[in-house]
C-alpha atoms as a PDB file:
ATOM      1  CA  MET A   1     -76.489 -57.631  -0.109  1.00  0.00           C
ATOM      2  CA  LEU A   2     -79.911 -57.222  -1.527  1.00  0.00           C
ATOM      3  CA  ASP A   3     -80.381 -58.805  -4.782  1.00  0.00           C
ATOM      4  CA  LEU A   4     -82.138 -56.208  -6.987  1.00  0.00           C
ATOM      5  CA  ARG A   5     -83.128 -58.601  -9.548  1.00  0.00           C
ATOM      6  CA  GLN A   6     -85.552 -60.203  -6.945  1.00  0.00           C
ATOM      7  CA  GLN A   7     -86.983 -56.692  -6.581  1.00  0.00           C
ATOM      8  CA  ARG A   8     -89.539 -54.154  -8.341  1.00  0.00           C
ATOM      9  CA  ILE A   9     -87.773 -50.914  -8.338  1.00  0.00           C
ATOM     10  CA  CYS A  10     -89.474 -47.550  -8.860  1.00  0.00           C
ATOM     11  CA  VAL A  11     -87.061 -44.870 -10.163  1.00  0.00           C
ATOM     12  CA  THR A  12     -88.195 -41.386  -9.527  1.00  0.00           C
ATOM     13  CA  GLY A  13     -86.667 -39.133 -12.127  1.00  0.00           C
ATOM     14  CA  GLY A  14     -85.906 -42.401 -14.166  1.00  0.00           C
ATOM     15  CA  ALA A  15     -86.825 -40.567 -17.609  1.00  0.00           C
ATOM     16  CA  GLY A  16     -84.014 -37.690 -17.110  1.00  0.00           C
ATOM     17  CA  PHE A  17     -80.432 -37.205 -17.308  1.00  0.00           C
ATOM     18  CA  LEU A  18     -79.110 -39.390 -14.318  1.00  0.00           C
ATOM     19  CA  GLY A  19     -82.321 -41.532 -14.148  1.00  0.00           C
ATOM     20  CA  ARG A  20     -81.539 -43.062 -17.728  1.00  0.00           C
ATOM     21  CA  ALA A  21     -78.065 -43.943 -16.529  1.00  0.00           C
ATOM     22  CA  VAL A  22     -79.668 -45.511 -13.320  1.00  0.00           C
ATOM     23  CA  CYS A  23     -82.067 -47.452 -15.123  1.00  0.00           C
ATOM     24  CA  ALA A  24     -79.323 -48.834 -17.604  1.00  0.00           C
ATOM     25  CA  ALA A  25     -77.299 -49.926 -14.532  1.00  0.00           C
ATOM     26  CA  LEU A  26     -80.327 -51.844 -13.607  1.00  0.00           C
ATOM     27  CA  ARG A  27     -80.714 -53.354 -16.795  1.00  0.00           C
ATOM     28  CA  ALA A  28     -77.136 -54.165 -16.811  1.00  0.00           C
ATOM     29  CA  ARG A  29     -77.554 -56.286 -13.658  1.00  0.00           C
ATOM     30  CA  GLY A  30     -80.376 -58.486 -15.084  1.00  0.00           C
ATOM     31  CA  LEU A  31     -83.675 -56.645 -14.311  1.00  0.00           C
ATOM     32  CA  LYS A  32     -86.338 -56.930 -16.743  1.00  0.00           C
ATOM     33  CA  ASP A  33     -88.280 -53.886 -18.029  1.00  0.00           C
ATOM     34  CA  GLU A  34     -91.207 -54.878 -16.091  1.00  0.00           C
ATOM     35  CA  GLN A  35     -89.443 -54.724 -12.975  1.00  0.00           C
ATOM     36  CA  VAL A  36     -88.410 -51.215 -13.119  1.00  0.00           C
ATOM     37  CA  PHE A  37     -91.269 -48.334 -12.855  1.00  0.00           C
ATOM     38  CA  VAL A  38     -90.480 -44.971 -14.278  1.00  0.00           C
ATOM     39  CA  PRO A  39     -93.169 -42.715 -13.062  1.00  0.00           C
ATOM     40  CA  ARG A  40     -93.562 -39.465 -15.292  1.00  0.00           C
ATOM     41  CA  ARG A  41     -94.519 -35.846 -14.163  1.00  0.00           C
ATOM     42  CA  ARG A  42     -97.721 -35.651 -16.582  1.00  0.00           C
ATOM     43  CA  ASP A  43     -98.979 -38.791 -14.318  1.00  0.00           C
ATOM     44  CA  TYR A  44     -97.577 -38.099 -11.252  1.00  0.00           C
ATOM     45  CA  ASP A  45     -97.032 -34.714  -9.380  1.00  0.00           C
ATOM     46  CA  LEU A  46     -94.893 -35.752  -6.695  1.00  0.00           C
ATOM     47  CA  THR A  47     -95.443 -32.399  -4.768  1.00  0.00           C
ATOM     48  CA  GLN A  48     -98.762 -33.559  -4.221  1.00  0.00           C
ATOM     49  CA  GLU A  49     -99.355 -36.259  -1.386  1.00  0.00           C
ATOM     50  CA  SER A  50    -102.406 -38.105  -3.213  1.00  0.00           C
ATOM     51  CA  HIS A  51    -100.015 -38.420  -6.451  1.00  0.00           C
ATOM     52  CA  ALA A  52     -97.306 -39.967  -4.101  1.00  0.00           C
ATOM     53  CA  ALA A  53     -99.776 -42.451  -2.840  1.00  0.00           C
ATOM     54  CA  ARG A  54    -101.065 -43.442  -6.134  1.00  0.00           C
ATOM     55  CA  LEU A  55     -97.716 -43.950  -7.331  1.00  0.00           C
ATOM     56  CA  TYR A  56     -97.137 -46.457  -4.656  1.00  0.00           C
ATOM     57  CA  ALA A  57    -100.341 -48.149  -5.361  1.00  0.00           C
ATOM     58  CA  ASP A  58     -99.576 -48.355  -9.246  1.00  0.00           C
ATOM     59  CA  ALA A  59     -95.983 -49.419  -8.963  1.00  0.00           C
ATOM     60  CA  ARG A  60     -96.000 -51.573  -5.838  1.00  0.00           C
ATOM     61  CA  PRO A  61     -92.238 -51.205  -5.351  1.00  0.00           C
ATOM     62  CA  ASP A  62     -89.917 -53.142  -3.182  1.00  0.00           C
ATOM     63  CA  VAL A  63     -87.320 -50.522  -3.587  1.00  0.00           C
ATOM     64  CA  VAL A  64     -87.584 -46.675  -4.519  1.00  0.00           C
ATOM     65  CA  LEU A  65     -84.796 -44.943  -6.056  1.00  0.00           C
ATOM     66  CA  HIS A  66     -85.594 -41.230  -5.328  1.00  0.00           C
ATOM     67  CA  LEU A  67     -83.906 -39.146  -7.989  1.00  0.00           C
ATOM     68  CA  ALA A  68     -86.555 -36.747  -9.089  1.00  0.00           C
ATOM     69  CA  ALA A  69     -85.625 -33.147  -8.171  1.00  0.00           C
ATOM     70  CA  GLU A  70     -86.204 -29.472  -9.319  1.00  0.00           C
ATOM     71  CA  VAL A  71     -82.618 -28.253 -10.224  1.00  0.00           C
ATOM     72  CA  GLY A  72     -80.829 -25.571 -12.003  1.00  0.00           C
ATOM     73  CA  GLY A  73     -77.665 -23.360 -12.019  1.00  0.00           C
ATOM     74  CA  ILE A  74     -76.909 -20.191 -10.053  1.00  0.00           C
ATOM     75  CA  GLY A  75     -79.378 -18.128 -12.086  1.00  0.00           C
ATOM     76  CA  ALA A  76     -82.195 -20.435 -11.627  1.00  0.00           C
ATOM     77  CA  ASN A  77     -81.964 -20.952  -7.922  1.00  0.00           C
ATOM     78  CA  GLN A  78     -81.706 -17.148  -7.491  1.00  0.00           C
ATOM     79  CA  ALA A  79     -84.858 -17.098  -9.306  1.00  0.00           C
ATOM     80  CA  THR A  80     -86.789 -19.732  -7.828  1.00  0.00           C
ATOM     81  CA  PRO A  81     -85.656 -20.492  -4.518  1.00  0.00           C
ATOM     82  CA  GLY A  82     -89.037 -20.897  -3.044  1.00  0.00           C
ATOM     83  CA  ARG A  83     -90.101 -23.469  -5.366  1.00  0.00           C
ATOM     84  CA  PHE A  84     -86.887 -25.234  -5.403  1.00  0.00           C
ATOM     85  CA  CYS A  85     -87.067 -25.645  -1.491  1.00  0.00           C
ATOM     86  CA  PHE A  86     -90.955 -26.424  -1.579  1.00  0.00           C
ATOM     87  CA  ALA A  87     -90.817 -28.896  -4.466  1.00  0.00           C
ATOM     88  CA  ASN A  88     -87.701 -31.037  -3.213  1.00  0.00           C
ATOM     89  CA  LEU A  89     -88.890 -31.028   0.371  1.00  0.00           C
ATOM     90  CA  ALA A  90     -92.457 -31.943  -0.802  1.00  0.00           C
ATOM     91  CA  MET A  91     -91.743 -34.631  -2.937  1.00  0.00           C
ATOM     92  CA  GLY A  92     -89.360 -36.313  -0.409  1.00  0.00           C
ATOM     93  CA  LEU A  93     -91.690 -36.049   2.609  1.00  0.00           C
ATOM     94  CA  HIS A  94     -94.712 -37.530   0.543  1.00  0.00           C
ATOM     95  CA  LEU A  95     -92.378 -40.332  -0.935  1.00  0.00           C
ATOM     96  CA  ILE A  96     -90.826 -41.289   2.447  1.00  0.00           C
ATOM     97  CA  GLU A  97     -94.179 -41.084   4.614  1.00  0.00           C
ATOM     98  CA  HIS A  98     -95.969 -43.601   2.354  1.00  0.00           C
ATOM     99  CA  ALA A  99     -92.989 -45.782   2.022  1.00  0.00           C
ATOM    100  CA  ARG A 100     -93.369 -46.124   5.759  1.00  0.00           C
ATOM    101  CA  ARG A 101     -97.207 -46.846   5.682  1.00  0.00           C
ATOM    102  CA  MET A 102     -96.625 -49.339   2.708  1.00  0.00           C
ATOM    103  CA  GLY A 103     -93.798 -51.382   4.587  1.00  0.00           C
ATOM    104  CA  LEU A 104     -91.353 -50.474   1.685  1.00  0.00           C
ATOM    105  CA  ARG A 105     -88.074 -52.648   1.652  1.00  0.00           C
ATOM    106  CA  LYS A 106     -85.785 -49.896   0.817  1.00  0.00           C
ATOM    107  CA  PHE A 107     -85.595 -46.106   0.187  1.00  0.00           C
ATOM    108  CA  VAL A 108     -82.568 -44.722  -1.457  1.00  0.00           C
ATOM    109  CA  MET A 109     -82.257 -40.952  -1.373  1.00  0.00           C
ATOM    110  CA  VAL A 110     -79.922 -38.982  -3.995  1.00  0.00           C
ATOM    111  CA  GLY A 111     -78.773 -35.884  -2.079  1.00  0.00           C
ATOM    112  CA  THR A 112     -76.491 -33.006  -3.336  1.00  0.00           C
ATOM    113  CA  VAL A 113     -73.109 -31.390  -2.532  1.00  0.00           C
ATOM    114  CA  CYS A 114     -75.024 -28.347  -2.036  1.00  0.00           C
ATOM    115  CA  ALA A 115     -76.054 -29.622   1.295  1.00  0.00           C
ATOM    116  CA  TYR A 116     -72.471 -28.908   2.552  1.00  0.00           C
ATOM    117  CA  PRO A 117     -71.737 -25.778   4.419  1.00  0.00           C
ATOM    118  CA  LYS A 118     -70.477 -22.913   2.165  1.00  0.00           C
ATOM    119  CA  PHE A 119     -66.936 -22.945   4.178  1.00  0.00           C
ATOM    120  CA  THR A 120     -66.632 -26.717   4.425  1.00  0.00           C
ATOM    121  CA  PRO A 121     -62.911 -28.096   4.775  1.00  0.00           C
ATOM    122  CA  VAL A 122     -61.624 -29.710   1.634  1.00  0.00           C
ATOM    123  CA  PRO A 123     -61.977 -32.279   0.661  1.00  0.00           C
ATOM    124  CA  PHE A 124     -65.473 -32.335   1.978  1.00  0.00           C
ATOM    125  CA  ARG A 125     -66.072 -35.271   4.523  1.00  0.00           C
ATOM    126  CA  GLU A 126     -69.457 -36.433   5.264  1.00  0.00           C
ATOM    127  CA  GLU A 127     -69.091 -35.675   9.007  1.00  0.00           C
ATOM    128  CA  ASP A 128     -68.974 -32.061   8.272  1.00  0.00           C
ATOM    129  CA  LEU A 129     -72.457 -31.816   6.743  1.00  0.00           C
ATOM    130  CA  TRP A 130     -73.932 -30.272   9.807  1.00  0.00           C
ATOM    131  CA  ASN A 131     -71.059 -27.639  10.622  1.00  0.00           C
ATOM    132  CA  GLY A 132     -72.549 -24.730   8.813  1.00  0.00           C
ATOM    133  CA  TYR A 133     -75.000 -22.910   6.679  1.00  0.00           C
ATOM    134  CA  PRO A 134     -74.780 -23.941   2.722  1.00  0.00           C
ATOM    135  CA  GLU A 135     -73.885 -21.183   0.077  1.00  0.00           C
ATOM    136  CA  GLU A 136     -76.373 -18.918   0.055  1.00  0.00           C
ATOM    137  CA  THR A 137     -77.435 -19.039  -3.655  1.00  0.00           C
ATOM    138  CA  ASN A 138     -78.273 -22.773  -3.527  1.00  0.00           C
ATOM    139  CA  ALA A 139     -79.198 -22.988   0.400  1.00  0.00           C
ATOM    140  CA  PRO A 140     -83.076 -23.584  -0.211  1.00  0.00           C
ATOM    141  CA  TYR A 141     -82.308 -26.373  -2.342  1.00  0.00           C
ATOM    142  CA  GLY A 142     -79.658 -27.971  -0.237  1.00  0.00           C
ATOM    143  CA  VAL A 143     -81.256 -27.362   3.001  1.00  0.00           C
ATOM    144  CA  ALA A 144     -84.470 -29.091   1.516  1.00  0.00           C
ATOM    145  CA  LYS A 145     -82.591 -32.323   0.551  1.00  0.00           C
ATOM    146  CA  LYS A 146     -80.697 -32.406   3.818  1.00  0.00           C
ATOM    147  CA  THR A 147     -83.929 -32.237   5.970  1.00  0.00           C
ATOM    148  CA  LEU A 148     -84.701 -35.620   4.201  1.00  0.00           C
ATOM    149  CA  PHE A 149     -81.681 -37.056   5.345  1.00  0.00           C
ATOM    150  CA  VAL A 150     -82.826 -36.418   9.005  1.00  0.00           C
ATOM    151  CA  LEU A 151     -86.274 -37.728   8.075  1.00  0.00           C
ATOM    152  CA  LEU A 152     -84.792 -40.885   6.799  1.00  0.00           C
ATOM    153  CA  ASP A 153     -82.709 -41.382   9.881  1.00  0.00           C
ATOM    154  CA  ALA A 154     -85.775 -40.494  12.040  1.00  0.00           C
ATOM    155  CA  TYR A 155     -88.073 -43.493  10.243  1.00  0.00           C
ATOM    156  CA  ARG A 156     -85.149 -46.074  10.523  1.00  0.00           C
ATOM    157  CA  ARG A 157     -85.233 -45.306  14.217  1.00  0.00           C
ATOM    158  CA  GLN A 158     -88.867 -45.283  14.962  1.00  0.00           C
ATOM    159  CA  TYR A 159     -90.352 -47.533  12.089  1.00  0.00           C
ATOM    160  CA  GLY A 160     -87.341 -49.615  10.949  1.00  0.00           C
ATOM    161  CA  LEU A 161     -87.531 -47.963   7.181  1.00  0.00           C
ATOM    162  CA  GLN A 162     -84.160 -49.335   5.571  1.00  0.00           C
ATOM    163  CA  SER A 163     -82.657 -46.516   3.458  1.00  0.00           C
ATOM    164  CA  ALA A 164     -79.296 -45.153   1.732  1.00  0.00           C
ATOM    165  CA  VAL A 165     -78.301 -41.620   1.064  1.00  0.00           C
ATOM    166  CA  VAL A 166     -75.575 -40.635  -1.445  1.00  0.00           C
ATOM    167  CA  LEU A 167     -74.165 -37.378  -2.320  1.00  0.00           C
ATOM    168  CA  PRO A 168     -73.003 -37.069  -5.849  1.00  0.00           C
ATOM    169  CA  ALA A 169     -70.633 -34.305  -6.962  1.00  0.00           C
ATOM    170  CA  ASN A 170     -71.751 -32.227 -10.129  1.00  0.00           C
ATOM    171  CA  LEU A 171     -72.719 -34.515 -12.700  1.00  0.00           C
ATOM    172  CA  TYR A 172     -71.947 -34.170 -16.448  1.00  0.00           C
ATOM    173  CA  GLY A 173     -72.180 -36.347 -19.582  1.00  0.00           C
ATOM    174  CA  PRO A 174     -74.110 -37.041 -22.698  1.00  0.00           C
ATOM    175  CA  ALA A 175     -77.893 -35.996 -22.774  1.00  0.00           C
ATOM    176  CA  ASP A 176     -77.150 -33.563 -20.303  1.00  0.00           C
ATOM    177  CA  ASN A 177     -79.491 -30.150 -20.324  1.00  0.00           C
ATOM    178  CA  PHE A 178     -77.636 -27.918 -22.532  1.00  0.00           C
ATOM    179  CA  ASP A 179     -80.155 -24.784 -22.144  1.00  0.00           C
ATOM    180  CA  LEU A 180     -78.185 -21.764 -21.493  1.00  0.00           C
ATOM    181  CA  GLN A 181     -80.817 -20.342 -19.161  1.00  0.00           C
ATOM    182  CA  SER A 182     -80.971 -23.594 -16.642  1.00  0.00           C
ATOM    183  CA  SER A 183     -77.990 -25.856 -17.395  1.00  0.00           C
ATOM    184  CA  HIS A 184     -75.015 -26.416 -15.196  1.00  0.00           C
ATOM    185  CA  VAL A 185     -71.623 -25.210 -15.925  1.00  0.00           C
ATOM    186  CA  ILE A 186     -70.183 -27.994 -18.320  1.00  0.00           C
ATOM    187  CA  PRO A 187     -73.143 -28.023 -20.699  1.00  0.00           C
ATOM    188  CA  ALA A 188     -73.195 -24.393 -20.714  1.00  0.00           C
ATOM    189  CA  LEU A 189     -69.775 -23.986 -21.523  1.00  0.00           C
ATOM    190  CA  ILE A 190     -69.570 -26.763 -24.144  1.00  0.00           C
ATOM    191  CA  ARG A 191     -72.696 -24.959 -25.775  1.00  0.00           C
ATOM    192  CA  LYS A 192     -71.089 -21.739 -25.613  1.00  0.00           C
ATOM    193  CA  ALA A 193     -67.624 -22.917 -27.114  1.00  0.00           C
ATOM    194  CA  GLU A 194     -69.389 -24.935 -29.965  1.00  0.00           C
ATOM    195  CA  GLU A 195     -71.674 -21.974 -30.909  1.00  0.00           C
ATOM    196  CA  ALA A 196     -68.840 -19.585 -30.941  1.00  0.00           C
ATOM    197  CA  ARG A 197     -66.641 -21.983 -33.112  1.00  0.00           C
ATOM    198  CA  MET A 198     -69.551 -22.561 -35.686  1.00  0.00           C
ATOM    199  CA  ALA A 199     -70.275 -18.889 -35.746  1.00  0.00           C
ATOM    200  CA  GLY A 200     -66.367 -17.834 -36.143  1.00  0.00           C
ATOM    201  CA  GLN A 201     -66.809 -15.673 -32.911  1.00  0.00           C
ATOM    202  CA  ASP A 202     -63.601 -14.412 -31.338  1.00  0.00           C
ATOM    203  CA  ARG A 203     -64.817 -14.677 -27.803  1.00  0.00           C
ATOM    204  CA  ILE A 204     -67.066 -16.153 -25.196  1.00  0.00           C
ATOM    205  CA  THR A 205     -68.366 -14.745 -21.635  1.00  0.00           C
ATOM    206  CA  CYS A 206     -68.621 -16.792 -18.680  1.00  0.00           C
ATOM    207  CA  TRP A 207     -70.359 -16.069 -15.186  1.00  0.00           C
ATOM    208  CA  GLY A 208     -68.110 -15.078 -12.252  1.00  0.00           C
ATOM    209  CA  THR A 209     -64.618 -14.576 -11.892  1.00  0.00           C
ATOM    210  CA  GLY A 210     -63.324 -18.328 -12.900  1.00  0.00           C
ATOM    211  CA  GLY A 211     -61.508 -18.512  -9.613  1.00  0.00           C
ATOM    212  CA  VAL A 212     -63.694 -21.074  -7.715  1.00  0.00           C
ATOM    213  CA  SER A 213     -63.484 -24.746  -7.830  1.00  0.00           C
ATOM    214  CA  ARG A 214     -65.504 -27.759  -8.564  1.00  0.00           C
ATOM    215  CA  GLU A 215     -65.621 -31.280  -8.780  1.00  0.00           C
ATOM    216  CA  PHE A 216     -67.371 -33.114 -11.750  1.00  0.00           C
ATOM    217  CA  LEU A 217     -68.678 -36.866 -11.880  1.00  0.00           C
ATOM    218  CA  TYR A 218     -69.430 -38.624 -15.208  1.00  0.00           C
ATOM    219  CA  VAL A 219     -73.238 -39.450 -15.179  1.00  0.00           C
ATOM    220  CA  ASP A 220     -72.647 -43.545 -15.628  1.00  0.00           C
ATOM    221  CA  ASP A 221     -70.346 -43.463 -12.607  1.00  0.00           C
ATOM    222  CA  ALA A 222     -72.787 -41.781 -10.354  1.00  0.00           C
ATOM    223  CA  ALA A 223     -75.489 -44.260 -11.585  1.00  0.00           C
ATOM    224  CA  GLU A 224     -73.312 -47.353 -10.447  1.00  0.00           C
ATOM    225  CA  GLY A 225     -72.576 -45.731  -7.202  1.00  0.00           C
ATOM    226  CA  ILE A 226     -76.392 -45.211  -6.539  1.00  0.00           C
ATOM    227  CA  VAL A 227     -77.224 -48.778  -7.487  1.00  0.00           C
ATOM    228  CA  ARG A 228     -74.526 -50.105  -5.095  1.00  0.00           C
ATOM    229  CA  ALA A 229     -75.777 -48.304  -2.330  1.00  0.00           C
ATOM    230  CA  ALA A 230     -79.202 -49.733  -3.180  1.00  0.00           C
ATOM    231  CA  GLU A 231     -77.559 -53.131  -2.847  1.00  0.00           C
ATOM    232  CA  ARG A 232     -75.422 -52.535   0.143  1.00  0.00           C
ATOM    233  CA  MET A 233     -76.723 -49.978   2.393  1.00  0.00           C
ATOM    234  CA  ASP A 234     -79.568 -50.427   4.984  1.00  0.00           C
ATOM    235  CA  GLU A 235     -79.390 -47.204   7.094  1.00  0.00           C
ATOM    236  CA  PRO A 236     -79.120 -43.419   5.608  1.00  0.00           C
ATOM    237  CA  THR A 237     -75.403 -42.934   6.396  1.00  0.00           C
ATOM    238  CA  PRO A 238     -74.293 -39.988   3.893  1.00  0.00           C
ATOM    239  CA  ILE A 239     -71.778 -41.243   1.165  1.00  0.00           C
ATOM    240  CA  ASN A 240     -70.022 -38.976  -1.081  1.00  0.00           C
ATOM    241  CA  LEU A 241     -69.886 -40.008  -4.805  1.00  0.00           C
ATOM    242  CA  GLY A 242     -67.185 -38.297  -6.701  1.00  0.00           C
ATOM    243  CA  THR A 243     -63.588 -38.323  -8.175  1.00  0.00           C
ATOM    244  CA  GLY A 244     -61.685 -36.605  -5.250  1.00  0.00           C
ATOM    245  CA  ARG A 245     -60.200 -34.105  -7.879  1.00  0.00           C
ATOM    246  CA  GLU A 246     -61.080 -30.461  -8.155  1.00  0.00           C
ATOM    247  CA  ILE A 247     -60.720 -28.029 -11.022  1.00  0.00           C
ATOM    248  CA  THR A 248     -61.190 -24.444 -11.111  1.00  0.00           C
ATOM    249  CA  ILE A 249     -63.986 -22.906 -13.247  1.00  0.00           C
ATOM    250  CA  ARG A 250     -61.167 -21.036 -15.242  1.00  0.00           C
ATOM    251  CA  ALA A 251     -59.179 -24.086 -15.960  1.00  0.00           C
ATOM    252  CA  LEU A 252     -62.446 -25.891 -17.095  1.00  0.00           C
ATOM    253  CA  ALA A 253     -63.537 -23.226 -19.498  1.00  0.00           C
ATOM    254  CA  GLU A 254     -59.818 -23.582 -21.168  1.00  0.00           C
ATOM    255  CA  LEU A 255     -59.850 -27.189 -21.167  1.00  0.00           C
ATOM    256  CA  ILE A 256     -63.423 -27.264 -22.992  1.00  0.00           C
ATOM    257  CA  CYS A 257     -62.375 -24.556 -25.463  1.00  0.00           C
ATOM    258  CA  ARG A 258     -59.453 -26.771 -26.239  1.00  0.00           C
ATOM    259  CA  LEU A 259     -61.506 -29.917 -26.595  1.00  0.00           C
ATOM    260  CA  CYS A 260     -64.110 -28.233 -28.845  1.00  0.00           C
ATOM    261  CA  ASP A 261     -61.245 -26.544 -30.638  1.00  0.00           C
ATOM    262  CA  PHE A 262     -62.520 -22.940 -29.958  1.00  0.00           C
ATOM    263  CA  LYS A 263     -59.635 -20.940 -30.439  1.00  0.00           C
ATOM    264  CA  GLY A 264     -61.056 -17.428 -29.089  1.00  0.00           C
ATOM    265  CA  ARG A 265     -60.990 -15.573 -26.069  1.00  0.00           C
ATOM    266  CA  ILE A 266     -62.708 -16.317 -22.714  1.00  0.00           C
ATOM    267  CA  GLU A 267     -63.918 -13.231 -20.842  1.00  0.00           C
ATOM    268  CA  TRP A 268     -65.355 -13.396 -17.245  1.00  0.00           C
ATOM    269  CA  ASP A 269     -68.230 -11.459 -15.999  1.00  0.00           C
ATOM    270  CA  PRO A 270     -67.560 -10.769 -12.029  1.00  0.00           C
ATOM    271  CA  SER A 271     -70.955  -9.117 -11.781  1.00  0.00           C
ATOM    272  CA  LYS A 272     -72.298 -12.616 -11.603  1.00  0.00           C
ATOM    273  CA  PRO A 273     -71.941 -14.711  -8.686  1.00  0.00           C
ATOM    274  CA  ASP A 274     -69.181 -17.492  -8.327  1.00  0.00           C
ATOM    275  CA  GLY A 275     -71.154 -19.770  -5.786  1.00  0.00           C
ATOM    276  CA  GLN A 276     -69.448 -21.976  -3.326  1.00  0.00           C
ATOM    277  CA  PRO A 277     -65.677 -21.119  -3.159  1.00  0.00           C
ATOM    278  CA  ARG A 278     -64.388 -24.809  -3.624  1.00  0.00           C
ATOM    279  CA  ARG A 279     -65.753 -28.239  -3.914  1.00  0.00           C
ATOM    280  CA  CYS A 280     -64.006 -31.509  -3.695  1.00  0.00           C
ATOM    281  CA  LEU A 281     -65.324 -34.745  -2.071  1.00  0.00           C
ATOM    282  CA  ASP A 282     -63.487 -37.174   0.264  1.00  0.00           C
ATOM    283  CA  THR A 283     -64.834 -40.180  -1.364  1.00  0.00           C
ATOM    284  CA  SER A 284     -63.058 -42.873   0.986  1.00  0.00           C
ATOM    285  CA  ARG A 285     -66.418 -43.914   2.677  1.00  0.00           C
ATOM    286  CA  ALA A 286     -67.767 -44.963  -0.840  1.00  0.00           C
ATOM    287  CA  SER A 287     -64.824 -46.997  -1.361  1.00  0.00           C
ATOM    288  CA  GLN A 288     -65.106 -48.734   2.208  1.00  0.00           C
ATOM    289  CA  LEU A 289     -68.873 -48.916   2.038  1.00  0.00           C
ATOM    290  CA  LEU A 290     -69.834 -49.544  -1.288  1.00  0.00           C
ATOM    291  CA  ASP A 291     -66.642 -50.703  -2.931  1.00  0.00           C
ATOM    292  CA  TRP A 292     -66.981 -47.976  -5.151  1.00  0.00           C
ATOM    293  CA  GLN A 293     -64.821 -45.500  -7.310  1.00  0.00           C
ATOM    294  CA  ALA A 294     -65.280 -43.437 -10.258  1.00  0.00           C
ATOM    295  CA  GLY A 295     -64.062 -44.970 -13.362  1.00  0.00           C
ATOM    296  CA  THR A 296     -64.154 -42.087 -16.168  1.00  0.00           C
ATOM    297  CA  SER A 297     -61.289 -39.905 -16.849  1.00  0.00           C
ATOM    298  CA  PHE A 298     -62.364 -36.112 -16.777  1.00  0.00           C
ATOM    299  CA  GLU A 299     -61.095 -35.757 -20.517  1.00  0.00           C
ATOM    300  CA  ASP A 300     -62.564 -39.081 -21.838  1.00  0.00           C
ATOM    301  CA  GLY A 301     -66.055 -37.993 -20.189  1.00  0.00           C
ATOM    302  CA  LEU A 302     -65.909 -34.400 -21.658  1.00  0.00           C
ATOM    303  CA  SER A 303     -65.061 -35.834 -25.083  1.00  0.00           C
ATOM    304  CA  ARG A 304     -67.903 -38.169 -24.991  1.00  0.00           C
ATOM    305  CA  THR A 305     -70.235 -35.310 -23.848  1.00  0.00           C
ATOM    306  CA  ILE A 306     -68.893 -33.047 -26.697  1.00  0.00           C
ATOM    307  CA  GLU A 307     -69.401 -35.702 -29.349  1.00  0.00           C
ATOM    308  CA  TRP A 308     -73.042 -36.379 -28.064  1.00  0.00           C
ATOM    309  CA  TYR A 309     -73.854 -32.599 -28.247  1.00  0.00           C
ATOM    310  CA  ARG A 310     -72.419 -32.234 -31.507  1.00  0.00           C
ATOM    311  CA  ARG A 311     -74.316 -35.108 -33.077  1.00  0.00           C
ATOM    312  CA  GLU A 312     -77.805 -33.712 -31.214  1.00  0.00           C
ATOM    313  CA  SER A 313     -77.337 -30.308 -32.150  1.00  0.00           C
ATOM    314  CA  ALA A 314     -76.573 -30.841 -35.919  1.00  0.00           C
ATOM    315  CA  GLY A 315     -79.296 -29.479 -37.901  1.00  0.00           C
ATOM    316  CA  ARG A 316     -81.699 -29.282 -34.884  1.00  0.00           C
ATOM    317  CA  PRO A 317     -83.312 -26.427 -32.949  1.00  0.00           C
ATOM    318  CA  ALA A 318     -81.662 -25.306 -29.993  1.00  0.00           C
ATOM    319  CA  ALA A 319     -84.874 -26.340 -28.159  1.00  0.00           C
ATOM    320  CA  ILE A 320     -84.442 -30.023 -28.380  1.00  0.00           C
ATOM    321  CA  LEU A 321     -81.311 -29.801 -26.077  1.00  0.00           C
ATOM    322  CA  ALA A 322     -83.047 -28.993 -22.853  1.00  0.00           C
ATOM    323  CA  PRO A 323     -85.912 -30.350 -21.293  1.00  0.00           C
ATOM    324  CA  THR A 324     -89.333 -28.786 -20.847  1.00  0.00           C
ATOM    325  CA  GLY A 325     -90.680 -27.664 -17.791  1.00  0.00           C
ATOM    326  CA  PRO A 326     -89.372 -28.122 -14.182  1.00  0.00           C
ATOM    327  CA  GLN A 327     -86.591 -30.824 -14.233  1.00  0.00           C
ATOM    328  CA  HIS A 328     -87.488 -33.907 -12.084  1.00  0.00           C
ATOM    329  CA  VAL A 329     -84.351 -35.231 -13.111  1.00  0.00           C
ATOM    330  CA  ARG A 330     -80.558 -35.257 -11.470  1.00  0.00           C
ATOM    331  CA  PRO A 331     -78.578 -33.431 -13.977  1.00  0.00           C
ATOM    332  CA  GLY A 332     -77.579 -32.417 -12.509  1.00  0.00           C
ATOM    333  CA  GLN A 333     -75.183 -32.157 -11.990  1.00  0.00           C
ATOM    334  CA  ARG A 334     -76.767 -34.475 -10.516  1.00  0.00           C
ATOM    335  CA  PRO A 335     -77.505 -34.902 -10.011  1.00  0.00           C
ATOM    336  CA  GLY A 336     -78.800 -31.083  -8.970  1.00  0.00           C
ATOM    337  CA  CYS A 337     -76.551 -28.725  -7.581  1.00  0.00           C
ATOM    338  CA  GLY A 338     -77.338 -24.811  -7.508  1.00  0.00           C
ATOM    339  CA  SER A 339     -73.992 -23.542  -8.583  1.00  0.00           C
ATOM    340  CA  ARG A 340     -72.622 -23.570 -12.048  1.00  0.00           C
END
């Protein structure tokens, strides 16, 4: 195992939703603040190669945890597919190439469940990653991430660059992005249910049919899996991070409304896309290679998220609950998935 306490670590996206949880996991292992470098977008636009080179010169890292991404829900993926493909591919290309040039000790890549083919057998197993094309609404984002998996494998074989690749399920938790235009399904549903309850409304409207399924992973559990990958993995074998449990979006909406104490109706808009039909991950590889499994129950995680939203939204403008500008974070949902 790599002792991270002896390393300088750069966490791209470290100021975002998932990044803050990863930095907390590093601190829990005894790393000092000066050992963890968190680049901010205002200083480093990682889609530009010169900025990526300057980041390495400034941070002088031994390990890079690459969490930064431009992500969003179905609507955002439909509106900006070119930007999502370019930005995520460019950031990874520049960071991996300059990792090779400087002789980086290890590069950890946070991928996405969106990289899986649209009709992957459930539960998703890592060996099925290349057995088809991803679901269309988030394919540009998913293919960009998957391309970087190949690059890491090629750099390991040609240059000896050590790396790790993890694929988290849809993430959720406190401090997520709650903007209705760019958030993923859990924060969007929480906000809709809470605002309807507070306003005394008798219904909310949700996208799609509600019949598709998703798997959700609490952000702190994902952070622990990422840090373990940094400690234990030397080659980019894709590793799923999830709970192994799926829930339909309809059942999810009903659960969130119950936890929010919203007693109105849930109406569905089938003119809006559902995204991938099912998502549920096989996590046996994470158990075997990382000695990792999710530790937060779904209802507990949702309750903590709702409590955070209520505290943060009390007396504050709605804008405070959404990041500004493109998100160099893994909200989503992780860390980053295009569908709901």
